[in-house]
Amino acid sequence: MTKRWIVLSAAVWLLAASQTFAANDIIKTIKGTKIEGKIRRITPTEVAIEELAGSEMVPVNEIDSITFAEDPAALKGVRINVGKDNGQFEEALKNLAKIKVDTIERAEIKQDIDYYRAYAEARLALLGNRDIVEAGKNMKAFVTANPDSYHYYEAWDPRRPAGGDQQALHGAGILRAS
């Protein structure tokens, strides 16, 4: 009887744990590692993700991408459009226009949408295909409204992913409009 109780308890615990993490957030690191779980906290410098085995703090400069469990399909496409060496910024803006932001509940997803819109516009402005002053205003609005985003430092210099110094956008004319 005791063995049955232990087996039953273990089965119930595993079922509960699998339900907790059924829809996982995924952090992909620059080394190619995937960390799956539930993102619990985001700061400009690190992201806390809770896995079955415990919590892990991932430094932002080691993150290639984050996919949230509730991401709209179009947002996944946007990440591909603006990804390394893709440069499909017009396509990214088209995909962003398909997203019904008012139906999204998770703040981190809304932040990503705002960031990728400002980022695509800034990159197009740097290529001469958008108004650089308007792009600067949009990026500045993102940075001001989202000081806790993991994109915060990256947003200061949309010319290069994963960071940049705070004067870079001023030099490029992106934030001069603010």
C-alpha atoms as a PDB file:
ATOM      1  CA  MET A   1       0.000   0.000   0.000  1.00  0.00           C
ATOM      2  CA  THR A   2       2.847   2.401   0.819  1.00  0.00           C
ATOM      3  CA  LYS A   3       4.502   1.817  -2.582  1.00  0.00           C
ATOM      4  CA  ARG A   4       1.243   2.619  -4.338  1.00  0.00           C
ATOM      5  CA  TRP A   5       0.896   5.812  -2.340  1.00  0.00           C
ATOM      6  CA  ILE A   6       4.432   6.912  -3.260  1.00  0.00           C
ATOM      7  CA  VAL A   7       3.921   6.105  -6.944  1.00  0.00           C
ATOM      8  CA  LEU A   8       0.548   7.864  -6.977  1.00  0.00           C
ATOM      9  CA  SER A   9       1.993  10.917  -5.215  1.00  0.00           C
ATOM     10  CA  ALA A  10       4.883  11.078  -7.666  1.00  0.00           C
ATOM     11  CA  ALA A  11       2.505  10.790 -10.630  1.00  0.00           C
ATOM     12  CA  VAL A  12       0.294  13.585  -9.294  1.00  0.00           C
ATOM     13  CA  TRP A  13       3.327  15.812  -8.668  1.00  0.00           C
ATOM     14  CA  LEU A  14       4.681  15.189 -12.188  1.00  0.00           C
ATOM     15  CA  LEU A  15       1.286  15.898 -13.722  1.00  0.00           C
ATOM     16  CA  ALA A  16       0.982  19.145 -11.778  1.00  0.00           C
ATOM     17  CA  ALA A  17       4.516  20.167 -12.717  1.00  0.00           C
ATOM     18  CA  SER A  18       3.940  19.416 -16.387  1.00  0.00           C
ATOM     19  CA  GLN A  19       0.750  21.506 -16.348  1.00  0.00           C
ATOM     20  CA  THR A  20       2.614  24.394 -14.728  1.00  0.00           C
ATOM     21  CA  PHE A  21       5.185  24.408 -17.516  1.00  0.00           C
ATOM     22  CA  ALA A  22       2.969  23.147 -20.367  1.00  0.00           C
ATOM     23  CA  ALA A  23       3.240  26.445 -22.212  1.00  0.00           C
ATOM     24  CA  ASN A  24       6.837  27.486 -21.788  1.00  0.00           C
ATOM     25  CA  ASP A  25       8.639  30.718 -22.294  1.00  0.00           C
ATOM     26  CA  ILE A  26      11.924  30.041 -24.056  1.00  0.00           C
ATOM     27  CA  ILE A  27      15.201  31.880 -23.734  1.00  0.00           C
ATOM     28  CA  LYS A  28      17.687  31.083 -26.470  1.00  0.00           C
ATOM     29  CA  THR A  29      21.227  32.055 -25.534  1.00  0.00           C
ATOM     30  CA  ILE A  30      23.914  33.271 -27.911  1.00  0.00           C
ATOM     31  CA  LYS A  31      25.629  29.902 -27.371  1.00  0.00           C
ATOM     32  CA  GLY A  32      22.516  28.133 -28.717  1.00  0.00           C
ATOM     33  CA  THR A  33      21.229  26.786 -25.389  1.00  0.00           C
ATOM     34  CA  LYS A  34      17.452  26.810 -24.889  1.00  0.00           C
ATOM     35  CA  ILE A  35      16.128  27.440 -21.397  1.00  0.00           C
ATOM     36  CA  GLU A  36      12.438  26.640 -20.994  1.00  0.00           C
ATOM     37  CA  GLY A  37      10.193  27.629 -18.124  1.00  0.00           C
ATOM     38  CA  LYS A  38       8.222  30.634 -16.909  1.00  0.00           C
ATOM     39  CA  ILE A  39       9.862  34.043 -16.979  1.00  0.00           C
ATOM     40  CA  ARG A  40       9.299  35.582 -13.570  1.00  0.00           C
ATOM     41  CA  ARG A  41      11.264  38.835 -13.720  1.00  0.00           C
ATOM     42  CA  ILE A  42      12.887  41.002 -16.363  1.00  0.00           C
ATOM     43  CA  THR A  43      15.371  43.800 -15.825  1.00  0.00           C
ATOM     44  CA  PRO A  44      17.603  45.648 -18.288  1.00  0.00           C
ATOM     45  CA  THR A  45      20.505  43.412 -17.242  1.00  0.00           C
ATOM     46  CA  GLU A  46      19.031  39.958 -16.555  1.00  0.00           C
ATOM     47  CA  VAL A  47      15.998  37.724 -16.957  1.00  0.00           C
ATOM     48  CA  ALA A  48      14.808  35.315 -14.255  1.00  0.00           C
ATOM     49  CA  ILE A  49      13.281  32.103 -15.548  1.00  0.00           C
ATOM     50  CA  GLU A  50      11.762  29.393 -13.382  1.00  0.00           C
ATOM     51  CA  GLU A  51      12.428  25.877 -14.615  1.00  0.00           C
ATOM     52  CA  LEU A  52      11.324  22.577 -13.113  1.00  0.00           C
ATOM     53  CA  ALA A  53      14.751  22.257 -11.496  1.00  0.00           C
ATOM     54  CA  GLY A  54      14.692  25.779 -10.036  1.00  0.00           C
ATOM     55  CA  SER A  55      15.260  29.380 -11.053  1.00  0.00           C
ATOM     56  CA  GLU A  56      18.013  30.732 -13.238  1.00  0.00           C
ATOM     57  CA  MET A  57      19.182  34.281 -13.854  1.00  0.00           C
ATOM     58  CA  VAL A  58      20.271  34.824 -17.456  1.00  0.00           C
ATOM     59  CA  PRO A  59      22.335  37.943 -18.236  1.00  0.00           C
ATOM     60  CA  VAL A  60      20.774  39.943 -21.065  1.00  0.00           C
ATOM     61  CA  ASN A  61      24.068  40.105 -22.966  1.00  0.00           C
ATOM     62  CA  GLU A  62      23.954  36.289 -23.211  1.00  0.00           C
ATOM     63  CA  ILE A  63      20.403  36.202 -24.639  1.00  0.00           C
ATOM     64  CA  ASP A  64      19.870  35.771 -28.366  1.00  0.00           C
ATOM     65  CA  SER A  65      16.063  35.771 -28.156  1.00  0.00           C
ATOM     66  CA  ILE A  66      13.093  35.291 -25.875  1.00  0.00           C
ATOM     67  CA  THR A  67       9.873  33.667 -26.988  1.00  0.00           C
ATOM     68  CA  PHE A  68       6.924  33.995 -24.648  1.00  0.00           C
ATOM     69  CA  ALA A  69       4.394  31.164 -24.433  1.00  0.00           C
ATOM     70  CA  GLU A  70       1.542  33.507 -25.366  1.00  0.00           C
ATOM     71  CA  ASP A  71       3.311  35.181 -28.307  1.00  0.00           C
ATOM     72  CA  PRO A  72       1.072  35.869 -31.279  1.00  0.00           C
ATOM     73  CA  ALA A  73       2.271  34.020 -34.394  1.00  0.00           C
ATOM     74  CA  ALA A  74       3.011  37.298 -36.181  1.00  0.00           C
ATOM     75  CA  LEU A  75       5.457  38.309 -33.432  1.00  0.00           C
ATOM     76  CA  LYS A  76       7.455  35.147 -34.003  1.00  0.00           C
ATOM     77  CA  GLY A  77       7.695  36.202 -37.643  1.00  0.00           C
ATOM     78  CA  VAL A  78       8.843  39.679 -36.619  1.00  0.00           C
ATOM     79  CA  ARG A  79      11.723  38.208 -34.615  1.00  0.00           C
ATOM     80  CA  ILE A  80      12.809  36.304 -37.722  1.00  0.00           C
ATOM     81  CA  ASN A  81      12.431  39.418 -39.910  1.00  0.00           C
ATOM     82  CA  VAL A  82      14.706  41.540 -37.722  1.00  0.00           C
ATOM     83  CA  GLY A  83      17.028  38.693 -36.761  1.00  0.00           C
ATOM     84  CA  LYS A  84      20.704  38.512 -37.505  1.00  0.00           C
ATOM     85  CA  ASP A  85      21.493  39.203 -41.146  1.00  0.00           C
ATOM     86  CA  ASN A  86      17.819  39.191 -42.199  1.00  0.00           C
ATOM     87  CA  GLY A  87      17.187  42.928 -42.345  1.00  0.00           C
ATOM     88  CA  GLN A  88      13.546  42.507 -43.383  1.00  0.00           C
ATOM     89  CA  PHE A  89      12.405  45.608 -41.529  1.00  0.00           C
ATOM     90  CA  GLU A  90       9.507  46.509 -43.844  1.00  0.00           C
ATOM     91  CA  GLU A  91       8.202  42.938 -43.532  1.00  0.00           C
ATOM     92  CA  ALA A  92       8.571  43.190 -39.754  1.00  0.00           C
ATOM     93  CA  LEU A  93       6.393  46.313 -39.709  1.00  0.00           C
ATOM     94  CA  LYS A  94       3.779  44.533 -41.842  1.00  0.00           C
ATOM     95  CA  ASN A  95       3.753  41.605 -39.410  1.00  0.00           C
ATOM     96  CA  LEU A  96       3.500  43.975 -36.434  1.00  0.00           C
ATOM     97  CA  ALA A  97       0.454  45.634 -38.034  1.00  0.00           C
ATOM     98  CA  LYS A  98      -1.306  42.241 -37.995  1.00  0.00           C
ATOM     99  CA  ILE A  99      -1.070  41.961 -34.203  1.00  0.00           C
ATOM    100  CA  LYS A 100      -4.131  43.001 -32.196  1.00  0.00           C
ATOM    101  CA  VAL A 101      -2.303  44.518 -29.241  1.00  0.00           C
ATOM    102  CA  ASP A 102      -5.499  45.159 -27.282  1.00  0.00           C
ATOM    103  CA  THR A 103      -6.039  41.385 -27.001  1.00  0.00           C
ATOM    104  CA  ILE A 104      -2.632  40.795 -25.406  1.00  0.00           C
ATOM    105  CA  GLU A 105      -2.545  40.634 -21.627  1.00  0.00           C
ATOM    106  CA  ARG A 106       1.122  40.048 -20.895  1.00  0.00           C
ATOM    107  CA  ALA A 107       3.112  43.280 -20.481  1.00  0.00           C
ATOM    108  CA  GLU A 108       6.380  41.726 -21.666  1.00  0.00           C
ATOM    109  CA  ILE A 109       4.819  40.833 -25.019  1.00  0.00           C
ATOM    110  CA  LYS A 110       3.477  44.367 -25.434  1.00  0.00           C
ATOM    111  CA  GLN A 111       6.986  45.664 -24.673  1.00  0.00           C
ATOM    112  CA  ASP A 112       8.443  43.393 -27.345  1.00  0.00           C
ATOM    113  CA  ILE A 113       5.906  44.636 -29.888  1.00  0.00           C
ATOM    114  CA  ASP A 114       6.724  48.271 -29.048  1.00  0.00           C
ATOM    115  CA  TYR A 115      10.450  47.582 -29.182  1.00  0.00           C
ATOM    116  CA  TYR A 116      10.414  45.754 -32.507  1.00  0.00           C
ATOM    117  CA  ARG A 117       8.258  48.488 -34.062  1.00  0.00           C
ATOM    118  CA  ALA A 118      10.649  51.221 -32.894  1.00  0.00           C
ATOM    119  CA  TYR A 119      13.677  49.096 -33.834  1.00  0.00           C
ATOM    120  CA  ALA A 120      12.441  48.369 -37.384  1.00  0.00           C
ATOM    121  CA  GLU A 121      11.588  52.043 -37.911  1.00  0.00           C
ATOM    122  CA  ALA A 122      15.009  53.121 -36.592  1.00  0.00           C
ATOM    123  CA  ARG A 123      16.845  50.667 -38.834  1.00  0.00           C
ATOM    124  CA  LEU A 124      14.846  51.852 -41.848  1.00  0.00           C
ATOM    125  CA  ALA A 125      15.612  55.473 -40.900  1.00  0.00           C
ATOM    126  CA  LEU A 126      19.315  54.688 -40.744  1.00  0.00           C
ATOM    127  CA  LEU A 127      18.990  53.241 -44.257  1.00  0.00           C
ATOM    128  CA  GLY A 128      17.281  56.445 -45.426  1.00  0.00           C
ATOM    129  CA  ASN A 129      13.842  54.847 -45.786  1.00  0.00           C
ATOM    130  CA  ARG A 130      12.087  56.555 -42.866  1.00  0.00           C
ATOM    131  CA  ASP A 131      12.166  59.940 -41.186  1.00  0.00           C
ATOM    132  CA  ILE A 132      15.059  59.819 -38.740  1.00  0.00           C
ATOM    133  CA  VAL A 133      13.512  62.389 -36.387  1.00  0.00           C
ATOM    134  CA  GLU A 134      10.255  60.432 -36.143  1.00  0.00           C
ATOM    135  CA  ALA A 135      12.176  57.182 -35.633  1.00  0.00           C
ATOM    136  CA  GLY A 136      14.146  58.887 -32.881  1.00  0.00           C
ATOM    137  CA  LYS A 137      10.977  60.014 -31.142  1.00  0.00           C
ATOM    138  CA  ASN A 138       9.567  56.489 -31.293  1.00  0.00           C
ATOM    139  CA  MET A 139      12.732  54.887 -29.921  1.00  0.00           C
ATOM    140  CA  LYS A 140      12.982  57.529 -27.194  1.00  0.00           C
ATOM    141  CA  ALA A 141       9.336  56.856 -26.276  1.00  0.00           C
ATOM    142  CA  PHE A 142      10.116  53.139 -25.969  1.00  0.00           C
ATOM    143  CA  VAL A 143      13.191  53.728 -23.792  1.00  0.00           C
ATOM    144  CA  THR A 144      11.313  56.179 -21.553  1.00  0.00           C
ATOM    145  CA  ALA A 145       8.225  53.978 -21.161  1.00  0.00           C
ATOM    146  CA  ASN A 146      10.137  50.715 -20.652  1.00  0.00           C
ATOM    147  CA  PRO A 147      13.142  51.216 -18.371  1.00  0.00           C
ATOM    148  CA  ASP A 148      12.746  47.623 -17.138  1.00  0.00           C
ATOM    149  CA  SER A 149      12.823  45.999 -20.605  1.00  0.00           C
ATOM    150  CA  TYR A 150      15.566  43.540 -21.497  1.00  0.00           C
ATOM    151  CA  HIS A 151      15.782  45.558 -24.753  1.00  0.00           C
ATOM    152  CA  TYR A 152      16.599  48.764 -22.826  1.00  0.00           C
ATOM    153  CA  TYR A 153      20.331  48.948 -23.582  1.00  0.00           C
ATOM    154  CA  GLU A 154      19.933  47.468 -27.049  1.00  0.00           C
ATOM    155  CA  ALA A 155      17.417  50.226 -27.815  1.00  0.00           C
ATOM    156  CA  TRP A 156      20.088  52.862 -27.292  1.00  0.00           C
ATOM    157  CA  ASP A 157      21.841  51.695 -30.444  1.00  0.00           C
ATOM    158  CA  PRO A 158      19.616  49.962 -33.013  1.00  0.00           C
ATOM    159  CA  ARG A 159      22.560  49.694 -35.415  1.00  0.00           C
ATOM    160  CA  ARG A 160      23.975  46.766 -33.513  1.00  0.00           C
ATOM    161  CA  PRO A 161      22.158  44.117 -31.482  1.00  0.00           C
ATOM    162  CA  ALA A 162      22.885  43.455 -27.821  1.00  0.00           C
ATOM    163  CA  GLY A 163      23.794  46.843 -26.561  1.00  0.00           C
ATOM    164  CA  GLY A 164      25.646  50.031 -27.152  1.00  0.00           C
ATOM    165  CA  ASP A 165      26.595  53.105 -25.240  1.00  0.00           C
ATOM    166  CA  GLN A 166      24.000  55.721 -24.422  1.00  0.00           C
ATOM    167  CA  GLN A 167      25.463  58.329 -26.778  1.00  0.00           C
ATOM    168  CA  ALA A 168      25.400  56.136 -29.892  1.00  0.00           C
ATOM    169  CA  LEU A 169      21.868  57.029 -30.954  1.00  0.00           C
ATOM    170  CA  HIS A 170      22.481  60.708 -30.392  1.00  0.00           C
ATOM    171  CA  GLY A 171      25.473  60.449 -32.716  1.00  0.00           C
ATOM    172  CA  ALA A 172      23.434  58.571 -35.309  1.00  0.00           C
ATOM    173  CA  GLY A 173      20.677  61.171 -35.076  1.00  0.00           C
ATOM    174  CA  ILE A 174      18.132  58.697 -33.756  1.00  0.00           C
ATOM    175  CA  LEU A 175      17.498  60.203 -30.322  1.00  0.00           C
ATOM    176  CA  ARG A 176      18.426  63.782 -31.179  1.00  0.00           C
ATOM    177  CA  ALA A 177      14.721  64.511 -31.767  1.00  0.00           C
ATOM    178  CA  SER A 178      13.868  64.085 -28.112  1.00  0.00           C
END
